[in-house]
Protein backbone atom coordinates (compact mmCIF):
# COMPACT_ATOMS: atom_id res chain seq x y z
CA MET A 1 4.90 2.38 40.49
CA ILE A 2 7.05 1.16 37.71
CA VAL A 3 3.93 -1.15 36.47
CA SER A 4 1.69 1.92 37.28
CA PHE A 5 3.86 4.08 35.02
CA ILE A 6 3.91 1.00 32.35
CA SER A 7 0.36 0.41 32.87
CA GLY A 8 -0.57 3.89 32.56
CA PHE A 9 1.50 4.43 29.04
CA ILE A 10 -0.15 1.61 27.18
CA GLY A 11 -3.90 3.02 28.56
CA GLY A 12 -2.37 6.66 26.95
CA ILE A 13 -1.20 4.17 23.71
CA ALA A 14 -4.82 2.68 23.80
CA LEU A 15 -6.79 6.08 23.78
CA GLY A 16 -4.91 7.56 21.57
CA SER A 17 -5.51 4.85 19.02
CA PHE A 18 -9.35 4.73 19.45
CA ILE A 19 -9.94 8.65 20.51
CA PRO A 20 -9.12 11.58 18.43
CA ILE A 21 -6.10 13.34 20.26
CA SER A 22 -6.36 17.15 20.56
CA VAL A 23 -4.07 19.99 21.46
CA GLY A 24 -6.56 20.71 24.49
CA PHE A 25 -7.61 16.72 25.39
CA PHE A 26 -3.73 16.19 25.96
CA LEU A 27 -3.16 19.65 27.75
CA ALA A 28 -6.12 18.23 29.33
CA ILE A 29 -4.70 15.24 31.09
CA ILE A 30 -1.49 17.24 31.99
CA PHE A 31 -3.19 19.30 33.80
CA VAL A 32 -5.18 16.54 35.77
CA THR A 33 -1.80 14.95 36.27
CA LEU A 34 -0.53 18.46 37.87
CA ILE A 35 -3.82 18.28 40.33
CA PHE A 36 -2.27 14.61 41.64
CA PHE A 37 0.78 16.07 41.65
CA ILE A 38 0.42 19.12 43.75
CA TYR A 39 -2.39 16.61 46.00
CA LYS A 40 0.54 14.46 47.13
CA TYR A 41 1.98 17.07 49.35
CA PHE A 42 -1.59 17.80 51.04
CA ALA A 43 -3.28 14.57 51.36
CA LEU A 44 -3.55 12.50 54.28
CA GLU A 45 -0.79 9.98 55.42
CA GLU A 46 -3.31 6.71 54.69
CA HIS A 47 -4.01 7.94 51.21
CA ARG A 48 -0.66 9.40 50.13
CA SER A 49 0.35 6.09 48.95
CA PHE A 50 -2.65 5.92 46.68
CA VAL A 51 -2.44 9.77 45.41
CA VAL A 52 1.09 9.03 44.01
CA ILE A 53 0.13 5.94 42.42
CA CYS A 54 -2.76 7.90 40.58
CA PHE A 55 0.30 10.87 39.33
CA VAL A 56 2.65 8.03 38.26
CA LEU A 57 -0.54 6.36 36.33
CA MET A 58 -1.79 9.75 35.00
CA LEU A 59 2.09 10.49 34.47
CA GLY A 60 2.30 7.19 32.64
CA LEU A 61 -1.19 8.32 30.97
CA SER A 62 -0.05 11.60 29.60
CA VAL A 63 3.40 10.48 27.74
CA GLY A 64 1.39 7.84 26.15
CA VAL A 65 -1.39 10.22 24.56
CA GLY A 66 1.83 12.50 23.80
CA ARG A 67 3.34 9.56 22.02
CA MET A 68 0.16 8.93 19.63
CA TYR A 69 -0.22 12.44 19.40
CA VAL A 70 3.23 12.85 17.26
CA SER A 71 2.82 9.10 15.56
CA ASP A 72 1.93 7.95 12.32
CA LEU A 73 -1.89 7.76 13.14
CA TYR A 74 -1.61 11.58 13.01
CA ALA A 75 0.34 12.52 10.42
CA GLU A 76 0.01 14.14 7.13
CA SER A 77 1.38 12.01 3.87
CA SER A 78 3.31 14.12 1.97
CA LEU A 79 1.91 12.11 -1.48
CA SER A 80 -1.08 13.13 -0.49
CA ARG A 81 -1.73 16.32 -3.02
CA PHE A 82 -1.06 12.98 -5.76
CA GLU A 83 -4.18 10.99 -4.39
CA GLY A 84 -6.24 8.94 -6.75
CA GLN A 85 -3.78 10.16 -9.77
CA ARG A 86 -1.09 8.86 -11.97
CA ILE A 87 1.98 9.56 -10.48
CA VAL A 88 5.49 8.46 -11.90
CA GLY A 89 8.31 8.01 -9.39
CA ILE A 90 11.82 6.75 -8.17
CA GLY A 91 12.33 4.53 -5.43
CA VAL A 92 14.02 1.72 -3.95
CA ILE A 93 12.12 -1.69 -3.10
CA VAL A 94 13.18 -1.60 1.21
CA GLY A 95 10.89 -4.94 1.50
CA GLU A 96 11.32 -8.77 0.50
CA PRO A 97 8.81 -8.79 -2.54
CA ASP A 98 5.43 -10.40 -1.26
CA VAL A 99 4.81 -13.44 -3.83
CA ARG A 100 1.21 -14.34 -4.00
CA GLU A 101 -0.47 -17.13 -6.61
CA SER A 102 -0.84 -14.32 -9.12
CA ASN A 103 1.02 -11.34 -8.33
CA VAL A 104 3.89 -9.60 -6.04
CA LYS A 105 3.55 -7.05 -3.72
CA LEU A 106 6.24 -4.57 -3.61
CA THR A 107 7.40 -2.24 -0.94
CA ILE A 108 8.83 1.12 -2.23
CA ARG A 109 10.30 3.90 -0.45
CA LEU A 110 9.46 6.63 -3.49
CA SER A 111 13.04 9.51 -3.55
CA SER A 112 11.39 11.39 -6.07
CA VAL A 113 7.91 12.14 -7.70
CA LEU A 114 7.38 13.32 -11.37
CA GLU A 115 5.41 16.80 -10.71
CA GLY A 116 5.30 18.35 -14.53
CA THR A 117 8.45 18.31 -15.85
CA THR A 118 9.60 18.85 -12.56
CA SER A 119 10.99 16.62 -9.93
CA VAL A 120 9.39 16.72 -6.85
CA PRO A 121 11.90 15.25 -3.62
CA VAL A 122 9.77 13.00 -1.45
CA SER A 123 10.92 9.97 1.46
CA GLU A 124 7.53 8.04 1.69
CA LYS A 125 7.19 4.06 1.56
CA ILE A 126 4.25 2.97 -1.12
CA LEU A 127 2.80 -0.83 -1.30
CA ILE A 128 2.11 -1.35 -5.28
CA THR A 129 0.91 -4.60 -7.04
CA THR A 130 2.07 -6.15 -9.82
CA PRO A 131 2.43 -9.06 -12.23
CA ILE A 132 4.91 -11.74 -11.14
CA TYR A 133 7.12 -11.63 -13.93
CA PRO A 134 9.25 -9.04 -14.64
CA GLU A 135 11.11 -10.40 -11.16
CA PHE A 136 12.56 -7.62 -8.33
CA LYS A 137 14.20 -8.10 -5.65
CA TYR A 138 15.01 -6.15 -2.44
CA GLY A 139 17.21 -3.05 -3.17
CA ASP A 140 16.31 -2.51 -6.70
CA LYS A 141 15.83 0.97 -7.87
CA VAL A 142 12.64 1.11 -9.66
CA GLU A 143 10.60 3.67 -11.67
CA VAL A 144 7.24 3.08 -11.19
CA SER A 145 4.13 4.45 -12.50
CA VAL A 146 1.30 3.80 -11.05
CA ILE A 147 -1.93 5.56 -9.86
CA LEU A 148 -2.31 6.18 -5.53
CA LEU A 149 -5.14 4.85 -3.74
CA LYS A 150 -6.01 5.13 -0.16
CA PRO A 151 -6.03 1.84 1.36
CA LYS A 152 -9.68 0.20 1.89
CA ASN A 153 -10.77 -1.50 4.89
CA VAL A 154 -11.43 -4.86 4.04
CA GLU A 155 -15.19 -6.52 5.20
CA GLY A 156 -15.56 -9.88 5.48
CA ASP A 157 -18.82 -12.02 4.88
CA ASP A 158 -19.69 -12.15 8.68
CA GLY A 159 -19.51 -9.06 9.14
CA ARG A 160 -15.76 -8.46 10.21
CA VAL A 161 -13.81 -5.44 9.44
CA PHE A 162 -10.02 -6.26 8.93
CA ASP A 163 -8.87 -2.12 9.53
CA TYR A 164 -5.76 -2.60 6.42
CA GLU A 165 -5.65 1.08 6.18
CA ASP A 166 -3.80 1.62 9.90
CA PHE A 167 -2.55 -2.26 9.49
CA LEU A 168 -0.36 0.10 6.50
CA ARG A 169 0.02 2.69 8.57
CA VAL A 170 1.70 0.54 11.41
CA ARG A 171 4.37 -0.18 8.45
CA GLY A 172 4.69 3.87 7.24
CA ILE A 173 2.23 3.65 4.64
CA TRP A 174 -0.28 5.74 3.53
CA TYR A 175 -0.78 4.82 -0.29
CA THR A 176 -1.16 1.40 -2.60
CA GLY A 177 -1.59 0.66 -6.33
CA SER A 178 -2.83 -1.82 -8.50
CA PHE A 179 -1.40 -2.87 -11.75
CA ALA A 180 1.70 -0.42 -11.77
CA LYS A 181 4.31 -0.25 -14.33
CA VAL A 182 8.08 -1.00 -13.16
CA LYS A 183 11.00 -0.53 -14.67
CA LEU A 184 14.45 -1.38 -13.32
CA VAL A 185 17.05 1.31 -13.14
CA SER A 186 19.75 -0.43 -10.86
CA SER A 187 20.73 -2.58 -8.34
CA GLY A 188 22.32 -3.46 -5.05
CA HIS A 189 20.79 -0.19 -3.13
CA GLY A 190 19.87 -2.20 -0.06
CA SER A 191 20.92 -2.62 3.39
CA VAL A 192 24.11 -5.35 3.12
CA LEU A 193 22.74 -7.44 5.94
CA LYS A 194 19.09 -7.00 4.86
CA ASN A 195 20.33 -8.54 1.47
CA VAL A 196 22.15 -11.77 2.81
CA LEU A 197 19.15 -12.19 5.11
CA PHE A 198 16.90 -12.59 1.96
CA LYS A 199 19.49 -14.26 -0.10
CA THR A 200 19.95 -17.03 2.58
CA LYS A 201 15.95 -17.15 3.02
CA ALA A 202 15.67 -17.50 -0.87
CA SER A 203 18.35 -20.11 -1.39
CA PHE A 204 17.22 -21.92 2.07
CA THR A 205 13.53 -22.17 0.66
CA ASN A 206 15.03 -23.56 -3.40
CA SER A 207 16.87 -26.21 -1.24
CA ILE A 208 13.87 -27.36 0.91
CA ASN A 209 11.64 -27.04 -2.35
CA ASN A 210 14.44 -29.61 -4.34
CA ALA A 211 14.85 -31.90 -1.44
CA LEU A 212 10.97 -32.62 -0.75
CA PRO A 213 7.81 -32.87 -2.48
CA GLN A 214 5.04 -30.82 -2.27
CA PRO A 215 2.51 -29.63 -0.14
CA GLU A 216 5.56 -31.02 2.30
CA SER A 217 8.28 -28.44 1.44
CA SER A 218 5.95 -25.68 1.81
CA LEU A 219 4.62 -27.10 5.55
CA LEU A 220 8.54 -26.92 6.22
CA SER A 221 9.19 -23.51 4.61
CA GLY A 222 6.34 -22.38 7.07
CA LEU A 223 7.30 -23.90 9.84
CA LEU A 224 11.37 -22.49 9.43
CA LEU A 225 10.55 -19.20 7.36
CA GLY A 226 6.81 -18.64 8.61
CA SER A 227 6.27 -18.97 4.51
CA LYS A 228 2.62 -19.90 3.78
CA GLN A 229 1.43 -18.56 0.44
CA SER A 230 2.72 -21.57 -1.75
CA LEU A 231 0.63 -24.27 0.69
CA GLY A 232 -2.31 -22.88 -1.30
CA LYS A 233 -5.94 -21.72 -0.22
CA GLY A 234 -7.74 -25.21 0.44
CA LEU A 235 -4.73 -26.13 3.01
CA LEU A 236 -4.84 -22.91 4.66
CA GLU A 237 -8.13 -22.87 5.38
CA GLU A 238 -7.69 -26.78 6.58
CA PHE A 239 -5.34 -25.20 9.25
CA GLN A 240 -7.41 -22.17 10.10
CA ARG A 241 -10.30 -24.74 10.89
CA THR A 242 -8.23 -26.86 13.66
CA GLY A 243 -6.42 -23.82 15.04
CA THR A 244 -3.50 -24.45 14.28
CA SER A 245 -2.40 -21.80 11.35
CA HIS A 246 0.11 -20.41 13.72
CA ILE A 247 2.36 -22.81 12.37
CA VAL A 248 2.55 -21.53 9.39
CA VAL A 249 2.20 -17.73 10.06
CA LEU A 250 5.58 -16.01 11.92
CA SER A 251 4.07 -14.55 15.08
CA GLY A 252 4.74 -15.25 18.67
CA TYR A 253 2.67 -18.44 18.96
CA ASN A 254 4.70 -20.78 16.76
CA ILE A 255 7.74 -19.29 17.77
CA ALA A 256 7.05 -19.73 21.38
CA ILE A 257 5.80 -22.77 21.33
CA VAL A 258 9.68 -24.02 18.92
CA ALA A 259 11.59 -22.40 21.34
CA LYS A 260 9.76 -23.98 24.58
CA SER A 261 9.53 -27.28 22.92
CA VAL A 262 13.60 -27.41 21.97
CA MET A 263 14.00 -26.93 25.59
CA SER A 264 11.46 -29.20 26.58
CA PHE A 265 12.61 -32.32 24.51
CA LEU A 266 16.86 -31.49 25.74
CA LYS A 267 15.36 -31.25 29.30
CA PHE A 268 17.52 -34.73 29.88
CA LEU A 269 20.92 -32.48 29.43
CA PRO A 270 22.14 -29.50 31.95
CA ASN A 271 19.78 -26.63 32.51
CA SER A 272 21.91 -23.72 30.75
CA PHE A 273 22.88 -25.78 27.89
CA SER A 274 18.96 -26.94 26.77
CA PHE A 275 17.93 -23.03 27.83
CA GLY A 276 21.23 -21.67 25.52
CA LEU A 277 20.03 -24.13 22.18
CA GLY A 278 16.25 -22.93 22.91
CA VAL A 279 17.35 -18.96 22.83
CA VAL A 280 19.69 -19.71 19.97
CA SER A 281 16.70 -21.56 17.97
CA VAL A 282 14.60 -18.27 18.49
CA ILE A 283 17.58 -16.35 16.73
CA LEU A 284 18.17 -18.62 14.00
CA PHE A 285 14.65 -18.90 13.21
CA THR A 286 14.50 -15.01 12.77
CA ILE A 287 17.56 -15.09 10.55
CA LEU A 288 15.86 -17.69 8.51
CA SER A 289 12.84 -15.81 8.32
CA GLY A 290 14.57 -13.66 6.96
CA GLY A 291 14.91 -10.91 10.09
CA GLY A 292 11.51 -9.16 9.43
CA ALA A 293 10.01 -6.65 11.42
CA SER A 294 7.45 -8.92 12.46
CA ALA A 295 9.89 -11.80 13.69
CA VAL A 296 12.27 -9.42 15.71
CA ARG A 297 9.24 -8.45 17.33
CA ALA A 298 7.91 -11.99 18.13
CA SER A 299 11.46 -13.00 19.24
CA ILE A 300 12.38 -10.05 21.55
CA MET A 301 8.71 -11.33 23.26
CA VAL A 302 9.40 -14.85 23.63
CA LEU A 303 13.20 -14.32 24.71
CA VAL A 304 12.01 -11.99 27.38
CA ALA A 305 9.63 -15.26 28.42
CA LEU A 306 12.68 -17.59 28.57
CA PHE A 307 14.95 -15.39 30.45
CA ALA A 308 12.38 -14.67 32.93
CA LYS A 309 11.60 -18.31 33.14
CA HIS A 310 14.69 -19.27 33.01
CA PHE A 311 16.19 -17.21 35.86
CA ASN A 312 13.37 -18.12 38.31
CA ARG A 313 12.47 -14.28 38.13
CA ASP A 314 8.48 -15.10 37.66
CA TYR A 315 7.61 -12.69 40.25
CA LYS A 316 8.94 -9.95 38.28
CA ALA A 317 8.29 -11.35 34.79
CA ASN A 318 5.31 -8.78 34.56
CA ARG A 319 7.45 -5.49 34.99
CA VAL A 320 10.13 -6.81 32.31
CA LEU A 321 7.05 -7.72 29.89
CA GLY A 322 6.30 -4.18 30.62
CA PHE A 323 9.22 -2.79 29.61
CA THR A 324 9.85 -5.04 26.59
CA VAL A 325 6.34 -3.64 25.06
CA ILE A 326 6.99 -0.02 26.39
CA LEU A 327 10.78 -0.65 24.35
CA MET A 328 8.59 -1.90 21.17
CA LEU A 329 5.41 0.47 21.54
CA ALA A 330 7.97 3.91 21.78
CA PRO A 331 9.16 3.70 18.47
CA ASN A 332 5.97 2.63 17.26
CA PRO A 333 3.13 3.20 18.97
CA LEU A 334 0.30 1.79 16.11
CA LEU A 335 1.62 -1.76 16.96
CA LEU A 336 -0.36 -2.37 20.17
CA VAL A 337 -3.87 -1.72 18.16
CA PHE A 338 -3.16 -2.46 14.64
CA ASP A 339 -0.43 -5.06 14.17
CA PRO A 340 -1.82 -8.52 15.20
CA SER A 341 1.55 -10.23 15.27
CA PHE A 342 2.63 -8.06 18.18
CA GLN A 343 -1.23 -8.61 19.96
CA LEU A 344 0.06 -12.44 19.37
CA SER A 345 3.32 -11.91 20.47
CA VAL A 346 2.22 -10.20 23.64
CA LEU A 347 -0.75 -12.99 24.41
CA ALA A 348 1.55 -15.84 23.57
CA THR A 349 4.28 -14.76 26.21
CA ILE A 350 1.87 -14.58 28.60
CA GLY A 351 0.63 -17.96 27.89
CA ILE A 352 4.02 -19.15 28.98
CA ILE A 353 5.40 -16.81 31.47
CA PHE A 354 2.33 -16.70 33.99
CA VAL A 355 0.32 -19.59 32.32
CA THR A 356 2.23 -22.44 31.97
CA PRO A 357 3.22 -22.56 35.68
CA ILE A 358 -0.44 -22.65 36.59
CA LEU A 359 -1.71 -25.77 34.72
CA GLU A 360 1.53 -27.45 34.67
CA PRO A 361 0.51 -29.00 37.90
CA TYR A 362 -2.56 -30.78 36.98
CA PHE A 363 -0.30 -32.53 33.94
CA VAL A 364 0.99 -34.91 35.98
CA TRP A 365 -1.01 -37.97 34.29
CA VAL A 366 1.59 -36.85 30.61
CA THR A 367 4.93 -38.28 31.04
CA GLU A 368 8.01 -36.12 31.33
CA LYS A 369 9.80 -38.57 29.05
CA PHE A 370 10.77 -35.79 26.36
CA GLY A 371 9.64 -33.01 28.11
CA LEU A 372 5.69 -34.22 26.70
CA ARG A 373 4.45 -32.62 30.33
CA GLU A 374 5.76 -29.14 29.59
CA ILE A 375 5.01 -29.14 25.68
CA VAL A 376 1.66 -30.30 26.43
CA ALA A 377 1.17 -27.78 29.41
CA SER A 378 2.54 -24.56 27.54
CA THR A 379 0.44 -25.46 24.49
CA VAL A 380 -2.95 -25.32 26.41
CA SER A 381 -1.25 -22.40 27.93
CA THR A 382 -0.86 -20.48 24.76
CA GLN A 383 -4.23 -21.71 23.57
CA LEU A 384 -5.78 -20.23 26.49
CA THR A 385 -4.31 -16.94 25.95
CA VAL A 386 -4.71 -16.58 22.06
CA LEU A 387 -7.65 -18.48 21.11
CA PRO A 388 -9.85 -15.97 21.91
CA PHE A 389 -8.23 -13.08 20.15
CA LEU A 390 -7.51 -15.92 17.02
CA THR A 391 -11.71 -16.00 17.60
CA TYR A 392 -12.12 -12.89 17.14
CA SER A 393 -10.32 -11.50 14.38
CA SER A 394 -11.22 -14.98 12.08
CA GLY A 395 -14.51 -16.23 13.27
CA ILE A 396 -13.71 -19.49 13.64
CA PHE A 397 -13.77 -21.45 16.91
CA SER A 398 -12.13 -24.83 16.68
CA ILE A 399 -13.10 -26.93 18.60
CA VAL A 400 -10.63 -29.34 17.85
CA SER A 401 -7.54 -26.88 18.36
CA LEU A 402 -6.13 -28.15 21.28
CA PRO A 403 -6.05 -32.07 20.82
CA ILE A 404 -4.68 -31.37 17.33
CA ASN A 405 -1.91 -28.53 18.32
CA ILE A 406 -1.02 -31.19 20.95
CA LEU A 407 -0.72 -33.79 18.85
CA ILE A 408 0.89 -32.06 16.51
CA LEU A 409 3.27 -30.25 18.30
CA SER A 410 4.59 -32.35 20.12
CA THR A 411 6.70 -33.36 16.64
CA ILE A 412 7.48 -29.98 15.65
CA PRO A 413 10.99 -29.53 17.62
CA LEU A 414 12.29 -32.68 15.76
CA THR A 415 10.75 -31.52 12.56
CA MET A 416 12.25 -28.46 12.53
CA PHE A 417 15.40 -29.93 13.31
CA LEU A 418 15.63 -32.48 11.01
CA GLY A 419 13.89 -29.91 8.24
CA PHE A 420 17.07 -27.65 9.15
CA ILE A 421 19.58 -30.40 8.47
CA THR A 422 17.63 -31.24 5.15
CA GLY A 423 17.94 -27.94 3.67
CA MET A 424 21.54 -27.17 4.76
CA VAL A 425 22.78 -30.25 3.44
CA SER A 426 20.32 -30.02 -0.04
CA LEU A 427 22.70 -27.18 -0.03
CA VAL A 428 25.85 -28.47 -0.94
CA SER A 429 24.10 -32.36 -2.46
CA LEU A 430 20.90 -32.89 -3.23
CA TYR A 431 21.45 -36.28 -2.96
CA ILE A 432 22.87 -36.92 0.49
CA SER A 433 20.07 -34.82 1.83
CA PHE A 434 17.65 -37.32 0.79
CA ILE A 435 18.64 -39.23 3.38
CA PRO A 436 17.17 -36.54 6.25
CA ALA A 437 14.80 -35.62 3.80
CA PHE A 438 13.41 -39.10 4.16
CA PHE A 439 12.32 -39.08 7.93
CA THR A 440 10.97 -35.16 7.48
CA TYR A 441 9.10 -36.29 4.91
CA ILE A 442 7.68 -39.13 7.39
CA PHE A 443 6.72 -36.33 10.45
CA LEU A 444 5.69 -33.86 8.03
CA TRP A 445 3.22 -36.12 6.16
CA TYR A 446 2.10 -37.28 9.63
CA GLN A 447 0.92 -33.46 10.30
CA LEU A 448 -0.52 -32.71 7.39
CA THR A 449 -2.95 -35.61 7.86
CA ILE A 450 -3.69 -34.52 11.51
CA VAL A 451 -4.46 -31.35 10.21
CA HIS A 452 -7.08 -33.06 7.52
CA LEU A 453 -8.28 -35.65 9.37
CA GLY A 454 -9.15 -32.58 11.87
CA SER A 455 -10.66 -30.15 9.62
CA SER A 456 -12.97 -33.23 8.16
CA VAL A 457 -14.56 -33.51 11.68
CA PRO A 458 -18.10 -32.73 11.54
CA PHE A 459 -18.95 -29.35 13.64
CA GLY A 460 -14.89 -29.29 14.40
CA ALA A 461 -15.16 -26.09 13.62
CA VAL A 462 -17.85 -23.21 14.69
CA THR A 463 -17.87 -19.72 12.09
CA LEU A 464 -19.37 -16.97 14.74
CA PRO A 465 -20.93 -14.03 13.42
CA ALA A 466 -18.78 -10.54 14.03
CA PHE A 467 -18.92 -9.68 17.65
CA SER A 468 -17.88 -6.26 19.88
CA PRO A 469 -14.50 -6.30 21.38
CA LEU A 470 -15.94 -5.51 24.44
CA VAL A 471 -17.15 -9.32 24.49
CA LEU A 472 -13.63 -10.29 23.82
CA VAL A 473 -12.40 -8.01 26.47
CA PHE A 474 -15.37 -10.22 29.03
CA VAL A 475 -13.86 -13.43 27.63
CA TYR A 476 -10.34 -12.63 29.09
CA LEU A 477 -11.31 -11.20 32.47
CA VAL A 478 -13.35 -14.78 32.81
CA VAL A 479 -10.38 -16.34 31.90
CA PHE A 480 -8.35 -14.38 33.93
CA LEU A 481 -10.85 -15.38 37.08
CA PHE A 482 -10.46 -18.62 35.95
CA LEU A 483 -6.68 -18.80 36.67
CA TYR A 484 -6.94 -16.61 39.27
CA ARG A 485 -9.01 -19.17 40.90
CA ILE A 486 -7.11 -22.01 40.13
CA LYS A 487 -3.79 -20.34 41.55
CA LYS A 488 -5.62 -20.00 44.48
CA ASN A 489 -6.44 -22.89 45.28
CA LYS A 490 -2.97 -24.32 44.57
């Protein structure tokens, strides 16, 4: 029954994400639900269980559709009357500044907008693009002058369309603006906790940059903090062609691999101790990354997987995963369809919970030393669940992805450990940090070299044209049938 309700709830959110929800449509679903509820009292005994399941499924569907109806997807912006106009407003920077190569993006929650000579109170976030200098930080109260524009979806050369409008809507943003004029009013208006997290991240990043050269320092920042901008366009393309971009993009994929790798690497220790360090590594990773929403979502998904597997509750892991998804979708249902980070988190967690136990017995030829067998099995499992989605979204199918990931991910735990030591020691003494930095550099150089060689392989990556989501569903259906056949034979 619980699985039926969860399935219905998720299905209702998915339905509301693709089909405009009207009051009449919502009432029709409620009516069908009531029919099943009443009919279960008149159904034959052998049919009653089926009718009850249908009722619970429809009940979940009704709740999901109703949640979507009152979501931000159908909400009106309080700034809509200013669309296309230049506004002057007062607000607070509520997110970490996103520094790019030539500009910086600031998320500002406006508290008032000047309309003529009258200050109109509002409470809405906007995303603006400004020059890198002067610098602003989280919690700064600013006066901004900008032309409000509706976000435009981005279409690539291969025909793929990135739904940028709904991607920002997930984050509660209706409007953007470029070439904005920003003036500092005062500082210190943000959350104390977030302010500490962002300052910790900035200090740690600076200590890494001081101890290691480029591009190794940028790669380490990507591993520990999810910071990828400083890697440069060329190197990022190499990571994408080898299917290793998850390493420097904060998502459930790299968090899952890191946590599993830490636990596998410390498998010689008592089980509870290695499990505890795995959990700590996830929490520490989240804190170091700045505690952003995407990191928190990904960490929740991975922690659920770790706890379910550790306590040997795999047969109920689907329920735990379902409850976690509901817990995350209830406050923000737009995550399901419009947030790639959430989707990758779910897929990576499915790979760890369900696929790894199926495939691990087939890797008996891999040594168990340092937990290498489990690392390989986890890598193959997560690749199997994540790669189709990555191919669908990016258009690049990396043929060398699996061997490159195995070669790199087996070194990630030690790299992160040495990198963390390097960053922490560098905060105290730059000269002493050169000792762990030397060994960290060797691993980082190795990983960059493997990525570079992998991206140089002829036909190592195939660019595919845009294809229908139905094709993606079909691919996952084939994967599911393949895994089901293996599990049945075992």
